[in-house]
Amino acid sequence: MKHVLTSSSSVMPAISTLDVAATGTATGTATNAATRRRVDPRLILSLAAVYVFWSSTYLAIRFAIAELPPLLMAGGRYAIAGLVMLAIARRRGAAWPSAGQWLRVVPIGALLFLCGNGFVVIGEATVSSGGAAVVCATMPLWTGVWAALGGERPSWRDWVSLAIGFVGVLVLMGGPSLQGRPLHLALIVLSPMCWALATVLARRQSGAWRIGASMSAAMQMMTGGATLLVAGLIDGERLPAHASATSWLAVGYLAVFGSLIGFTAYNWLIRNTRPVVATSYAYVNPVLAVLLGAAISGEPLGITTLIANALIVGAIALALIPRTTRT
C-alpha cells in the first residue's frame, strides 16, 4: 500500500508539500523556499463517509431489527456488501485471494462484525440508538490501550485529544438515558473493545496480507458476515415470512452506505492515517446519532448535546492538526 507521507513513528494524514521557487522579476522579490500544505481529498471524503453514514446506521439498525432477526440481518447485510465489493475488486484486476489469506482475515472479520457490530445489533433491541452510539464512542480509547499494550507509543497530543473527546462523551451521557436489559448493555460495552482490537490488528497485519484495500474490505465483510449468519442460525433465528418495506429499506441502506461505502472509507483511513484520526468518527457519531434519533424516532435529546458537541469537535480538531517537522 502506498502511503502519501510517513514519519519515523507513524503514518501521517495524506499531506503533501509544494516547494515554490523564486522566478521572474515581474513580481519583485519572490519567496525562495515557501511551503504550502494540501490536505488529501481522499482523507476528507473518507472522514465524511464514516462520520455521516456510520452515524445514521444506529437508527437504521433500530428500523431493521424491528421485524428482522438481528444476527441474520447483519450477516446478510455484510455478506451481500462483501460479495459486491469482491466483484468490483476482481473487475479492477485484483487477484483471487489464497486460502492462507482468507484464513488470516477471518479473525479480523469476526472481531469487527460478529463482536463489534453483532453485539450492537443485539443490544439495540432494548437500548436506544443514541445510547448505543454514546457507548461505542469509547472505541478510540480502547484503540489507544490496545496499541500501547502492543508496544506503540501514541503522542501526548493523541492522548489529550482522546481525553477531551471522552469527556465530551461523558457529558453527552447526561442527555439520552442508557436504559435496557443488563445483557444488552454489557454487549454494547464490549462492542467498541472488540472493534478497537480488530482495528489495531488490521493496521499491523495489512502489509503481510498482500492484498489491496478493496479486496481486504471485501474479505473482512464476507468472513464477518459468514460468522454472523452461522451465529444467527445456531441461535435459532429465522427470517419472517413477511416484513415491512421499512425494515428491508433499512437493510439496503446499511448494506450500501454503512457497509460498502463506509467500511471502504474506514479501511483506507486505518491504512493511511494515525489510529486517533482513523477512529475519530467515534466522537462525531454520538452527536449525530443522538440528533437523528431525536428528530426521526423521537428518542430523548438533552441540552447537554451542545456542550458535548463543542468538546468533541475540539478533540477531533486537535487530532487532525498535521504534525510539522523542523528543517
Protein backbone atom coordinates (compact mmCIF):
# COMPACT_ATOMS: atom_id res chain seq x y z
CA MET A 1 0.00 0.00 0.00
CA LYS A 2 1.44 3.32 -0.94
CA HIS A 3 1.42 5.86 1.85
CA VAL A 4 1.30 9.50 0.93
CA LEU A 5 3.56 10.62 3.74
CA THR A 6 5.31 8.77 6.53
CA SER A 7 7.30 9.76 9.56
CA SER A 8 9.66 7.74 11.74
CA SER A 9 6.94 6.84 14.20
CA SER A 10 3.61 6.69 12.37
CA VAL A 11 1.75 7.12 9.11
CA MET A 12 0.56 10.69 8.77
CA PRO A 13 -2.63 12.02 7.19
CA ALA A 14 -2.10 12.43 3.48
CA ILE A 15 -0.46 15.82 3.22
CA SER A 16 1.94 16.97 0.56
CA THR A 17 4.30 19.92 0.46
CA LEU A 18 4.87 22.09 -2.55
CA ASP A 19 8.16 23.92 -2.98
CA VAL A 20 7.82 27.19 -4.85
CA ALA A 21 10.97 28.61 -6.38
CA ALA A 22 11.58 32.28 -6.95
CA THR A 23 11.17 33.15 -10.62
CA GLY A 24 10.99 36.27 -12.77
CA THR A 25 11.31 39.89 -11.90
CA ALA A 26 7.71 40.97 -12.53
CA THR A 27 6.69 40.09 -9.01
CA GLY A 28 9.63 41.81 -7.42
CA THR A 29 11.11 39.69 -4.65
CA ALA A 30 9.64 36.19 -4.66
CA THR A 31 9.92 33.74 -1.83
CA ASN A 32 12.82 31.34 -2.08
CA ALA A 33 11.56 28.40 -0.01
CA ALA A 34 7.86 28.80 0.64
CA THR A 35 5.87 25.69 1.55
CA ARG A 36 2.19 25.02 1.45
CA ARG A 37 0.28 22.07 2.87
CA ARG A 38 -2.57 20.49 0.96
CA VAL A 39 -4.94 18.04 2.61
CA ASP A 40 -5.51 14.92 0.52
CA PRO A 41 -9.16 14.97 -0.68
CA ARG A 42 -9.36 11.23 0.00
CA LEU A 43 -8.87 11.98 3.67
CA ILE A 44 -11.74 14.47 3.68
CA LEU A 45 -14.09 12.18 1.74
CA SER A 46 -13.24 9.14 3.86
CA LEU A 47 -13.80 11.01 7.11
CA ALA A 48 -17.07 12.47 5.80
CA ALA A 49 -18.27 8.98 4.85
CA VAL A 50 -17.59 7.40 8.23
CA TYR A 51 -18.87 10.47 10.07
CA VAL A 52 -22.21 10.79 8.26
CA PHE A 53 -23.10 7.28 7.14
CA TRP A 54 -21.98 5.47 10.26
CA SER A 55 -23.80 7.99 12.45
CA SER A 56 -27.06 7.05 10.76
CA THR A 57 -26.52 3.29 10.94
CA TYR A 58 -27.51 3.17 14.63
CA LEU A 59 -31.00 4.40 13.80
CA ALA A 60 -31.20 2.26 10.66
CA ILE A 61 -30.42 -0.81 12.78
CA ARG A 62 -33.38 0.01 15.02
CA PHE A 63 -35.68 0.07 12.00
CA ALA A 64 -34.21 -3.14 10.58
CA ILE A 65 -34.40 -5.29 13.72
CA ALA A 66 -37.96 -4.17 14.45
CA GLU A 67 -39.13 -7.03 12.24
CA LEU A 68 -35.98 -8.93 11.23
CA PRO A 69 -33.73 -11.20 13.36
CA PRO A 70 -30.61 -9.21 14.35
CA LEU A 71 -27.78 -11.61 13.55
CA LEU A 72 -29.21 -12.85 10.26
CA MET A 73 -29.98 -9.29 9.25
CA ALA A 74 -26.44 -8.12 9.99
CA GLY A 75 -24.88 -11.22 8.42
CA GLY A 76 -26.87 -10.82 5.22
CA ARG A 77 -26.01 -7.14 5.07
CA TYR A 78 -22.27 -7.73 5.24
CA ALA A 79 -22.23 -10.88 3.11
CA ILE A 80 -24.03 -9.12 0.25
CA ALA A 81 -21.89 -5.99 0.54
CA GLY A 82 -18.75 -8.13 0.65
CA LEU A 83 -19.74 -10.03 -2.49
CA VAL A 84 -20.38 -6.78 -4.37
CA MET A 85 -17.04 -5.36 -3.29
CA LEU A 86 -15.29 -8.61 -4.20
CA ALA A 87 -16.73 -8.40 -7.71
CA ILE A 88 -15.60 -4.77 -8.00
CA ALA A 89 -12.07 -5.63 -6.83
CA ARG A 90 -11.84 -8.54 -9.26
CA ARG A 91 -13.04 -6.35 -12.13
CA ARG A 92 -10.27 -3.89 -11.29
CA GLY A 93 -7.71 -6.66 -11.66
CA ALA A 94 -7.27 -7.89 -8.11
CA ALA A 95 -6.11 -11.50 -7.83
CA TRP A 96 -8.28 -14.09 -6.13
CA PRO A 97 -7.09 -14.44 -2.50
CA SER A 98 -5.33 -17.64 -1.49
CA ALA A 99 -6.66 -19.94 1.21
CA GLY A 100 -3.97 -18.65 3.56
CA GLN A 101 -5.03 -15.05 3.00
CA TRP A 102 -8.67 -15.94 3.74
CA LEU A 103 -7.66 -17.66 6.98
CA ARG A 104 -5.61 -14.67 8.13
CA VAL A 105 -8.56 -12.33 7.57
CA VAL A 106 -11.13 -14.46 9.43
CA PRO A 107 -10.19 -13.31 12.99
CA ILE A 108 -10.34 -9.65 11.93
CA GLY A 109 -13.70 -10.13 10.22
CA ALA A 110 -15.12 -11.93 13.25
CA LEU A 111 -13.90 -9.27 15.70
CA LEU A 112 -15.19 -6.41 13.56
CA PHE A 113 -18.58 -7.75 12.59
CA LEU A 114 -19.63 -10.63 14.84
CA CYS A 115 -18.40 -8.91 18.00
CA GLY A 116 -18.05 -5.24 17.08
CA ASN A 117 -21.29 -4.90 15.11
CA GLY A 118 -23.20 -8.00 16.16
CA PHE A 119 -23.16 -7.02 19.83
CA VAL A 120 -24.61 -3.60 18.96
CA VAL A 121 -27.32 -5.13 16.78
CA ILE A 122 -28.39 -7.43 19.61
CA GLY A 123 -28.13 -4.70 22.24
CA GLU A 124 -30.28 -2.21 20.35
CA ALA A 125 -33.26 -4.47 20.97
CA THR A 126 -33.69 -2.58 24.25
CA VAL A 127 -31.06 0.21 24.16
CA SER A 128 -31.74 3.42 22.23
CA SER A 129 -29.72 4.12 19.09
CA GLY A 130 -28.32 7.32 20.65
CA GLY A 131 -27.34 5.48 23.82
CA ALA A 132 -25.57 2.77 21.84
CA ALA A 133 -23.68 5.40 19.85
CA VAL A 134 -22.54 7.11 23.05
CA VAL A 135 -21.13 3.87 24.47
CA CYS A 136 -19.43 3.00 21.17
CA ALA A 137 -17.67 6.37 21.26
CA THR A 138 -15.24 4.86 23.78
CA MET A 139 -13.68 2.87 20.93
CA PRO A 140 -10.72 5.23 20.31
CA LEU A 141 -9.76 4.94 23.96
CA TRP A 142 -9.61 1.16 23.62
CA THR A 143 -7.64 1.56 20.40
CA GLY A 144 -5.04 3.55 22.31
CA VAL A 145 -4.99 0.95 25.08
CA TRP A 146 -4.54 -1.98 22.67
CA ALA A 147 -1.89 -0.10 20.68
CA ALA A 148 0.01 0.78 23.86
CA LEU A 149 -0.15 -2.82 25.06
CA GLY A 150 1.28 -3.85 21.69
CA GLY A 151 4.29 -1.58 22.05
CA GLU A 152 3.16 1.53 20.17
CA ARG A 153 3.60 4.94 21.74
CA PRO A 154 0.77 7.36 21.00
CA SER A 155 1.86 11.00 21.16
CA TRP A 156 0.82 13.27 24.00
CA ARG A 157 -1.50 15.09 21.60
CA ASP A 158 -3.21 11.81 20.73
CA TRP A 159 -3.89 11.11 24.41
CA VAL A 160 -5.07 14.67 25.07
CA SER A 161 -7.48 14.56 22.13
CA LEU A 162 -8.79 11.19 23.29
CA ALA A 163 -9.29 12.51 26.82
CA ILE A 164 -11.15 15.62 25.62
CA GLY A 165 -13.33 13.53 23.37
CA PHE A 166 -14.13 11.10 26.15
CA VAL A 167 -15.12 13.99 28.42
CA GLY A 168 -17.48 15.08 25.67
CA VAL A 169 -18.96 11.60 25.60
CA LEU A 170 -19.45 11.65 29.37
CA VAL A 171 -21.24 14.99 29.08
CA LEU A 172 -23.38 13.57 26.30
CA MET A 173 -24.39 10.70 28.55
CA GLY A 174 -26.24 13.24 30.65
CA GLY A 175 -28.67 13.60 27.74
CA PRO A 176 -30.28 10.39 26.44
CA SER A 177 -30.53 7.83 29.22
CA LEU A 178 -28.88 4.46 28.82
CA GLN A 179 -31.65 2.05 29.68
CA GLY A 180 -32.03 -1.56 28.63
CA ARG A 181 -31.54 -5.16 29.66
CA PRO A 182 -28.25 -5.75 31.53
CA LEU A 183 -27.10 -8.29 28.93
CA HIS A 184 -27.72 -5.83 26.11
CA LEU A 185 -25.85 -3.07 27.91
CA ALA A 186 -22.92 -5.43 28.55
CA LEU A 187 -22.76 -6.43 24.88
CA ILE A 188 -22.75 -2.80 23.75
CA VAL A 189 -19.93 -2.02 26.20
CA LEU A 190 -17.90 -4.95 24.81
CA SER A 191 -18.52 -3.92 21.20
CA PRO A 192 -16.05 -0.99 21.00
CA MET A 193 -13.39 -3.05 22.74
CA CYS A 194 -13.63 -5.72 20.03
CA TRP A 195 -13.74 -3.21 17.20
CA ALA A 196 -10.69 -1.40 18.58
CA LEU A 197 -8.71 -4.63 18.87
CA ALA A 198 -9.59 -5.51 15.28
CA THR A 199 -8.52 -2.03 14.14
CA VAL A 200 -5.08 -2.36 15.72
CA LEU A 201 -4.57 -5.90 14.40
CA ALA A 202 -5.70 -4.99 10.88
CA ARG A 203 -3.38 -2.00 10.78
CA ARG A 204 -0.41 -4.15 11.75
CA GLN A 205 -1.21 -7.11 9.53
CA SER A 206 -2.39 -5.31 6.38
CA GLY A 207 1.10 -5.33 4.87
CA ALA A 208 1.51 -9.07 5.38
CA TRP A 209 -1.84 -9.78 3.73
CA ARG A 210 -0.51 -8.54 0.35
CA ILE A 211 -3.97 -7.52 -0.81
CA GLY A 212 -5.42 -4.17 -1.84
CA ALA A 213 -7.79 -2.08 0.23
CA SER A 214 -10.92 -3.04 -1.75
CA MET A 215 -10.19 -6.76 -1.66
CA SER A 216 -9.27 -6.54 2.03
CA ALA A 217 -12.57 -4.83 2.87
CA ALA A 218 -14.50 -7.40 0.80
CA MET A 219 -12.82 -10.33 2.54
CA GLN A 220 -13.39 -8.89 6.00
CA MET A 221 -17.08 -8.22 5.30
CA MET A 222 -17.60 -11.67 3.79
CA THR A 223 -15.89 -13.53 6.64
CA GLY A 224 -17.60 -11.33 9.23
CA GLY A 225 -20.95 -11.78 7.52
CA ALA A 226 -20.46 -15.55 7.43
CA THR A 227 -19.75 -15.70 11.18
CA LEU A 228 -22.85 -13.61 11.87
CA LEU A 229 -25.02 -15.89 9.73
CA VAL A 230 -23.66 -19.01 11.45
CA ALA A 231 -24.20 -17.45 14.88
CA GLY A 232 -27.77 -16.49 13.95
CA LEU A 233 -28.61 -20.00 12.75
CA ILE A 234 -27.08 -21.54 15.88
CA ASP A 235 -29.17 -19.15 17.98
CA GLY A 236 -32.29 -20.36 16.19
CA GLU A 237 -33.02 -17.19 14.24
CA ARG A 238 -35.25 -17.47 11.17
CA LEU A 239 -36.33 -14.89 8.62
CA PRO A 240 -40.02 -13.96 8.91
CA ALA A 241 -42.37 -14.75 6.07
CA HIS A 242 -43.44 -11.11 5.89
CA ALA A 243 -41.58 -7.94 6.88
CA SER A 244 -42.37 -4.31 6.17
CA ALA A 245 -40.72 -2.33 3.40
CA THR A 246 -39.24 -0.06 6.07
CA SER A 247 -37.17 -2.88 7.55
CA TRP A 248 -35.91 -4.05 4.16
CA LEU A 249 -35.08 -0.49 3.08
CA ALA A 250 -33.11 -0.09 6.30
CA VAL A 251 -31.15 -3.25 5.47
CA GLY A 252 -30.44 -1.90 1.98
CA TYR A 253 -29.23 1.40 3.41
CA LEU A 254 -26.99 -0.42 5.87
CA ALA A 255 -25.53 -2.60 3.11
CA VAL A 256 -24.80 0.21 0.62
CA PHE A 257 -23.94 3.22 2.75
CA GLY A 258 -22.96 1.63 6.04
CA SER A 259 -21.01 -1.31 4.59
CA LEU A 260 -19.88 -0.70 1.01
CA ILE A 261 -19.09 2.99 1.23
CA GLY A 262 -18.50 3.41 4.95
CA PHE A 263 -16.25 0.43 5.53
CA THR A 264 -14.20 1.08 2.37
CA ALA A 265 -13.52 4.59 3.65
CA TYR A 266 -12.63 3.27 7.11
CA ASN A 267 -10.29 0.67 5.62
CA TRP A 268 -8.46 3.45 3.75
CA LEU A 269 -8.19 5.51 6.93
CA ILE A 270 -6.66 2.76 9.08
CA ARG A 271 -4.06 2.13 6.36
CA ASN A 272 -3.10 5.76 5.73
CA THR A 273 -3.61 7.75 8.95
CA ARG A 274 -2.75 7.64 12.60
CA PRO A 275 -5.10 5.47 14.70
CA VAL A 276 -6.52 8.51 16.51
CA VAL A 277 -7.55 10.04 13.17
CA ALA A 278 -8.95 6.80 11.75
CA THR A 279 -11.11 6.29 14.84
CA SER A 280 -12.11 9.93 15.35
CA TYR A 281 -15.51 9.17 13.80
CA ALA A 282 -16.47 7.61 17.12
CA TYR A 283 -16.62 11.11 18.64
CA VAL A 284 -18.75 12.58 15.85
CA ASN A 285 -21.15 9.67 15.57
CA PRO A 286 -22.72 10.02 19.04
CA VAL A 287 -23.69 13.64 18.43
CA LEU A 288 -25.19 12.97 15.00
CA ALA A 289 -26.78 9.69 16.11
CA VAL A 290 -28.48 11.37 19.07
CA LEU A 291 -29.78 14.17 16.85
CA LEU A 292 -31.06 11.72 14.22
CA GLY A 293 -32.70 9.54 16.86
CA ALA A 294 -34.45 12.53 18.37
CA ALA A 295 -35.56 14.02 15.05
CA ILE A 296 -36.73 10.82 13.34
CA SER A 297 -37.56 8.36 16.09
CA GLY A 298 -38.44 10.65 18.99
CA GLU A 299 -35.61 9.48 21.24
CA PRO A 300 -34.79 11.79 24.19
CA LEU A 301 -32.50 14.74 23.49
CA GLY A 302 -30.74 16.59 26.32
CA ILE A 303 -29.46 20.15 26.32
CA THR A 304 -26.01 18.76 27.14
CA THR A 305 -25.67 17.83 23.47
CA LEU A 306 -24.43 21.33 22.60
CA ILE A 307 -21.72 21.23 25.27
CA ALA A 308 -20.69 17.74 24.23
CA ASN A 309 -20.60 18.78 20.59
CA ALA A 310 -18.12 21.59 21.31
CA LEU A 311 -15.84 19.24 23.25
CA ILE A 312 -15.99 16.50 20.63
CA VAL A 313 -15.33 18.81 17.68
CA GLY A 314 -12.41 20.33 19.59
CA ALA A 315 -10.94 16.89 20.21
CA ILE A 316 -11.16 16.00 16.52
CA ALA A 317 -9.59 19.31 15.51
CA LEU A 318 -6.66 18.59 17.81
CA ALA A 319 -6.24 15.10 16.39
CA LEU A 320 -6.32 16.29 12.78
CA ILE A 321 -3.77 19.10 13.10
CA PRO A 322 -0.86 17.96 10.89
CA ARG A 323 2.41 17.36 12.63
CA THR A 324 5.27 19.55 11.49
CA THR A 325 8.94 18.73 11.28
CA ARG A 326 11.74 21.21 11.76
CA THR A 327 14.26 21.51 8.98
